[in-house]
């Protein structure tokens, strides 16, 4: 149901028309890989709700570089709602919300 590529259509972290995520099966588990530097492994193999944990890549000096996060997805009709809670350390966290739609590559 989720497998394949999804493009970001909205986010509270700012517009990113080139941001996308792809759901793949790796070693029997469902993983999500983003084209902007993060990856997560998800629990739940069906239904409309998935959650898991991941980490941002160590890239540059951005506030998310190398940070772990908890993530959840909820499929509603043709939209995928994402909530990512990034651990900022010292008991602090930031929540990133995004909306994705299936990417269409034409015929």
N, C-alpha and C. Protein backbone atom coordinates (compact mmCIF):
# COMPACT_ATOMS: atom_id res chain seq x y z
N UNK A 1 0.82 -1.20 0.00
CA UNK A 1 0.00 0.00 0.00
C UNK A 1 0.86 1.26 0.00
N UNK A 2 1.90 1.31 0.84
CA UNK A 2 2.74 2.50 0.90
C UNK A 2 3.94 2.43 -0.04
N UNK A 3 4.29 1.24 -0.50
CA UNK A 3 5.52 1.08 -1.27
C UNK A 3 5.56 2.02 -2.46
N UNK A 4 6.75 2.56 -2.70
CA UNK A 4 6.94 3.48 -3.80
C UNK A 4 7.25 4.89 -3.33
N UNK A 5 7.24 5.82 -4.28
CA UNK A 5 7.65 7.20 -4.02
C UNK A 5 6.45 8.12 -3.75
N UNK A 6 6.65 9.02 -2.79
CA UNK A 6 5.65 10.02 -2.42
C UNK A 6 6.33 11.39 -2.42
N UNK A 7 5.66 12.41 -2.96
CA UNK A 7 6.20 13.76 -2.99
C UNK A 7 5.57 14.63 -1.92
N UNK A 8 6.39 15.50 -1.33
CA UNK A 8 5.90 16.40 -0.28
C UNK A 8 5.05 17.51 -0.91
N UNK A 9 3.87 17.74 -0.33
CA UNK A 9 3.01 18.82 -0.82
C UNK A 9 2.82 19.91 0.22
N UNK A 10 3.17 19.63 1.48
CA UNK A 10 3.07 20.65 2.55
C UNK A 10 3.95 20.24 3.71
N UNK A 11 4.42 21.23 4.47
CA UNK A 11 5.23 20.97 5.66
C UNK A 11 5.27 22.20 6.54
N UNK A 12 5.33 21.99 7.85
CA UNK A 12 5.50 23.13 8.75
C UNK A 12 6.96 23.56 8.82
N UNK A 13 7.85 22.86 8.11
CA UNK A 13 9.27 23.21 8.08
C UNK A 13 9.62 24.02 6.84
N UNK A 14 8.62 24.38 6.06
CA UNK A 14 8.86 25.18 4.86
C UNK A 14 8.59 24.38 3.60
N UNK A 15 8.27 25.08 2.55
CA UNK A 15 7.96 24.43 1.27
C UNK A 15 9.20 23.76 0.70
N UNK A 16 9.01 22.59 0.12
CA UNK A 16 10.10 21.88 -0.54
C UNK A 16 9.51 21.05 -1.67
N UNK A 17 9.29 21.66 -2.83
CA UNK A 17 8.66 20.95 -3.94
C UNK A 17 9.49 19.78 -4.47
N UNK A 18 10.78 19.72 -4.15
CA UNK A 18 11.62 18.62 -4.62
C UNK A 18 11.80 17.53 -3.56
N UNK A 19 11.25 17.70 -2.37
CA UNK A 19 11.39 16.70 -1.32
C UNK A 19 10.47 15.51 -1.59
N UNK A 20 11.02 14.32 -1.40
CA UNK A 20 10.23 13.11 -1.58
C UNK A 20 10.70 12.02 -0.63
N UNK A 21 9.85 11.03 -0.44
CA UNK A 21 10.19 9.87 0.38
C UNK A 21 9.83 8.62 -0.42
N UNK A 22 10.51 7.53 -0.13
CA UNK A 22 10.22 6.26 -0.79
C UNK A 22 10.13 5.17 0.27
N UNK A 23 9.07 4.38 0.18
CA UNK A 23 8.88 3.24 1.07
C UNK A 23 9.39 2.00 0.35
N UNK A 24 10.25 1.25 1.04
CA UNK A 24 10.84 0.03 0.48
C UNK A 24 10.85 -1.07 1.53
N UNK A 25 10.95 -2.28 1.08
CA UNK A 25 11.12 -3.43 1.99
C UNK A 25 12.61 -3.73 2.04
N UNK A 26 13.17 -3.76 3.26
CA UNK A 26 14.58 -4.08 3.47
C UNK A 26 14.66 -5.13 4.56
N UNK A 27 15.22 -6.29 4.23
CA UNK A 27 15.37 -7.39 5.19
C UNK A 27 14.03 -7.71 5.86
N UNK A 28 12.96 -7.69 5.08
CA UNK A 28 11.64 -8.03 5.61
C UNK A 28 10.96 -6.95 6.40
N UNK A 29 11.58 -5.80 6.54
CA UNK A 29 10.99 -4.69 7.29
C UNK A 29 10.66 -3.54 6.33
N UNK A 30 9.70 -2.74 6.73
CA UNK A 30 9.32 -1.58 5.94
C UNK A 30 10.20 -0.40 6.35
N UNK A 31 10.86 0.20 5.37
CA UNK A 31 11.71 1.36 5.62
C UNK A 31 11.25 2.52 4.77
N UNK A 32 11.54 3.73 5.23
CA UNK A 32 11.25 4.93 4.46
C UNK A 32 12.55 5.70 4.33
N UNK A 33 12.86 6.13 3.10
CA UNK A 33 14.09 6.85 2.81
C UNK A 33 13.72 8.17 2.16
N UNK A 34 14.24 9.26 2.71
CA UNK A 34 13.96 10.60 2.18
C UNK A 34 15.12 11.09 1.32
N UNK A 35 14.81 11.86 0.31
CA UNK A 35 15.86 12.39 -0.56
C UNK A 35 16.58 13.59 0.07
N UNK A 36 16.16 14.01 1.27
CA UNK A 36 16.82 15.14 1.92
C UNK A 36 17.60 14.73 3.17
N UNK A 37 17.94 13.43 3.29
CA UNK A 37 18.91 13.05 4.30
C UNK A 37 18.44 12.33 5.54
N UNK A 38 17.31 11.67 5.51
CA UNK A 38 16.91 10.88 6.68
C UNK A 38 16.35 9.55 6.24
N UNK A 39 16.36 8.61 7.18
CA UNK A 39 15.86 7.27 6.92
C UNK A 39 15.28 6.72 8.22
N UNK A 40 14.24 5.87 8.10
CA UNK A 40 13.61 5.28 9.27
C UNK A 40 13.14 3.87 8.96
N UNK A 41 13.06 3.05 10.00
CA UNK A 41 12.48 1.71 9.92
C UNK A 41 11.14 1.77 10.64
N UNK A 42 10.12 1.19 10.02
CA UNK A 42 8.77 1.30 10.54
C UNK A 42 8.25 -0.03 11.07
N UNK A 43 7.37 0.06 12.05
CA UNK A 43 6.64 -1.09 12.56
C UNK A 43 5.25 -1.06 11.94
N UNK A 44 4.59 -2.18 11.95
CA UNK A 44 3.24 -2.23 11.38
C UNK A 44 3.33 -2.56 9.90
N UNK A 45 2.70 -3.62 9.50
CA UNK A 45 2.81 -4.06 8.12
C UNK A 45 1.51 -3.87 7.34
N UNK A 46 0.58 -3.14 7.87
CA UNK A 46 -0.67 -2.96 7.15
C UNK A 46 -1.52 -1.89 7.79
N UNK A 47 -2.74 -1.78 7.35
CA UNK A 47 -3.62 -0.76 7.89
C UNK A 47 -3.26 0.62 7.36
N UNK A 48 -3.60 1.63 8.13
CA UNK A 48 -3.38 3.01 7.68
C UNK A 48 -2.44 3.78 8.59
N UNK A 49 -1.94 3.17 9.68
CA UNK A 49 -1.03 3.84 10.61
C UNK A 49 0.28 3.06 10.72
N UNK A 50 1.39 3.79 10.61
CA UNK A 50 2.71 3.20 10.71
C UNK A 50 3.57 4.11 11.58
N UNK A 51 4.45 3.52 12.38
CA UNK A 51 5.35 4.34 13.20
C UNK A 51 6.69 3.64 13.30
N UNK A 52 7.68 4.38 13.71
CA UNK A 52 9.01 3.82 13.84
C UNK A 52 10.01 4.85 14.31
N UNK A 53 11.27 4.60 14.01
CA UNK A 53 12.35 5.49 14.45
C UNK A 53 13.41 5.56 13.36
N UNK A 54 14.12 6.67 13.36
CA UNK A 54 15.16 6.85 12.37
C UNK A 54 16.18 7.88 12.80
N UNK A 55 16.97 8.31 11.85
CA UNK A 55 18.03 9.27 12.14
C UNK A 55 18.32 10.10 10.88
N UNK A 56 18.61 11.37 11.12
CA UNK A 56 19.07 12.24 10.05
C UNK A 56 20.54 11.94 9.78
N UNK A 57 20.99 12.08 8.55
CA UNK A 57 22.40 11.92 8.21
C UNK A 57 23.20 13.04 8.84
N UNK A 58 24.48 12.79 9.03
CA UNK A 58 25.40 13.82 9.50
C UNK A 58 25.77 14.68 8.29
N UNK A 59 25.06 15.80 8.12
CA UNK A 59 25.32 16.67 6.98
C UNK A 59 25.37 18.12 7.43
N UNK A 60 26.48 18.75 7.16
CA UNK A 60 26.61 20.17 7.46
C UNK A 60 26.39 20.53 8.92
N UNK A 61 25.95 21.75 9.12
CA UNK A 61 25.75 22.27 10.47
C UNK A 61 24.29 22.57 10.77
N UNK A 62 23.40 21.89 10.08
CA UNK A 62 21.98 22.12 10.33
C UNK A 62 21.59 21.53 11.68
N UNK A 63 20.50 22.01 12.24
CA UNK A 63 20.08 21.57 13.58
C UNK A 63 19.67 20.11 13.60
N UNK A 64 19.32 19.51 12.45
CA UNK A 64 18.89 18.11 12.42
C UNK A 64 20.04 17.14 12.17
N UNK A 65 21.21 17.62 11.83
CA UNK A 65 22.33 16.77 11.46
C UNK A 65 22.62 15.70 12.53
N UNK A 66 22.48 14.43 12.13
CA UNK A 66 22.78 13.31 13.02
C UNK A 66 21.75 13.03 14.10
N UNK A 67 20.68 13.78 14.14
CA UNK A 67 19.69 13.65 15.21
C UNK A 67 18.76 12.45 15.00
N UNK A 68 18.46 11.73 16.09
CA UNK A 68 17.47 10.66 16.01
C UNK A 68 16.05 11.24 16.07
N UNK A 69 15.09 10.47 15.61
CA UNK A 69 13.70 10.93 15.66
C UNK A 69 12.74 9.76 15.74
N UNK A 70 11.55 10.04 16.23
CA UNK A 70 10.42 9.11 16.17
C UNK A 70 9.54 9.62 15.03
N UNK A 71 8.90 8.69 14.31
CA UNK A 71 8.11 9.10 13.16
C UNK A 71 6.84 8.28 13.08
N UNK A 72 5.78 8.93 12.60
CA UNK A 72 4.53 8.20 12.37
C UNK A 72 3.91 8.70 11.07
N UNK A 73 3.19 7.80 10.42
CA UNK A 73 2.48 8.10 9.18
C UNK A 73 1.05 7.63 9.32
N UNK A 74 0.14 8.40 8.74
CA UNK A 74 -1.28 8.03 8.70
C UNK A 74 -1.77 8.27 7.27
N UNK A 75 -2.29 7.22 6.67
CA UNK A 75 -2.81 7.33 5.32
C UNK A 75 -4.28 7.71 5.38
N UNK A 76 -4.62 8.84 4.75
CA UNK A 76 -6.00 9.32 4.68
C UNK A 76 -6.35 9.59 3.23
N UNK A 77 -7.20 8.74 2.69
CA UNK A 77 -7.57 8.80 1.28
C UNK A 77 -6.31 8.76 0.42
N UNK A 78 -6.01 9.80 -0.32
CA UNK A 78 -4.82 9.78 -1.18
C UNK A 78 -3.66 10.58 -0.61
N UNK A 79 -3.76 10.99 0.67
CA UNK A 79 -2.69 11.75 1.31
C UNK A 79 -2.06 10.95 2.44
N UNK A 80 -0.76 11.18 2.61
CA UNK A 80 -0.01 10.55 3.68
C UNK A 80 0.42 11.64 4.66
N UNK A 81 -0.07 11.56 5.88
CA UNK A 81 0.26 12.55 6.92
C UNK A 81 1.45 12.04 7.71
N UNK A 82 2.49 12.86 7.87
CA UNK A 82 3.69 12.48 8.61
C UNK A 82 3.87 13.38 9.83
N UNK A 83 4.25 12.77 10.95
CA UNK A 83 4.67 13.52 12.13
C UNK A 83 6.02 12.97 12.57
N UNK A 84 7.02 13.84 12.61
CA UNK A 84 8.38 13.47 13.01
C UNK A 84 8.75 14.28 14.24
N UNK A 85 9.13 13.60 15.31
CA UNK A 85 9.57 14.27 16.53
C UNK A 85 11.07 14.08 16.66
N UNK A 86 11.81 15.17 16.44
CA UNK A 86 13.27 15.14 16.41
C UNK A 86 13.82 15.44 17.80
N UNK A 87 14.68 14.56 18.29
CA UNK A 87 15.33 14.73 19.59
C UNK A 87 16.44 15.76 19.45
N UNK A 88 16.29 16.88 20.15
CA UNK A 88 17.30 17.95 20.09
C UNK A 88 18.30 17.86 21.22
N UNK A 89 18.14 16.86 22.10
CA UNK A 89 19.04 16.69 23.23
C UNK A 89 18.57 17.50 24.42
N UNK A 90 19.06 17.16 25.59
CA UNK A 90 18.73 17.86 26.84
C UNK A 90 17.23 17.94 27.08
N UNK A 91 16.51 16.88 26.67
CA UNK A 91 15.07 16.85 26.90
C UNK A 91 14.24 17.72 25.97
N UNK A 92 14.85 18.28 24.95
CA UNK A 92 14.16 19.14 23.99
C UNK A 92 13.83 18.35 22.73
N UNK A 93 12.73 18.69 22.08
CA UNK A 93 12.38 18.07 20.81
C UNK A 93 11.65 19.08 19.93
N UNK A 94 11.66 18.80 18.64
CA UNK A 94 10.94 19.62 17.67
C UNK A 94 10.07 18.70 16.83
N UNK A 95 8.89 19.17 16.48
CA UNK A 95 7.96 18.37 15.70
C UNK A 95 7.88 18.93 14.28
N UNK A 96 8.10 18.04 13.32
CA UNK A 96 7.98 18.39 11.91
C UNK A 96 6.79 17.62 11.36
N UNK A 97 5.87 18.34 10.74
CA UNK A 97 4.70 17.70 10.14
C UNK A 97 4.76 17.91 8.64
N UNK A 98 4.37 16.88 7.91
CA UNK A 98 4.39 16.96 6.46
C UNK A 98 3.23 16.19 5.85
N UNK A 99 2.89 16.56 4.63
CA UNK A 99 1.85 15.88 3.87
C UNK A 99 2.47 15.47 2.54
N UNK A 100 2.21 14.22 2.15
CA UNK A 100 2.77 13.67 0.93
C UNK A 100 1.66 13.09 0.06
N UNK A 101 1.90 13.12 -1.25
CA UNK A 101 1.00 12.47 -2.21
C UNK A 101 1.85 11.58 -3.11
N UNK A 102 1.23 10.56 -3.62
CA UNK A 102 1.90 9.61 -4.49
C UNK A 102 2.49 10.35 -5.71
N UNK A 103 3.73 10.04 -6.05
CA UNK A 103 4.38 10.63 -7.22
C UNK A 103 3.94 9.89 -8.46
N UNK A 104 3.56 10.64 -9.48
CA UNK A 104 3.15 10.05 -10.75
C UNK A 104 4.24 10.31 -11.76
N UNK A 105 4.74 9.25 -12.40
CA UNK A 105 5.82 9.37 -13.38
C UNK A 105 5.31 9.29 -14.81
N UNK A 106 4.03 9.42 -15.00
CA UNK A 106 3.49 9.36 -16.35
C UNK A 106 3.32 7.93 -16.82
N UNK A 107 3.15 7.78 -18.11
CA UNK A 107 2.89 6.43 -18.65
C UNK A 107 4.13 5.67 -18.76
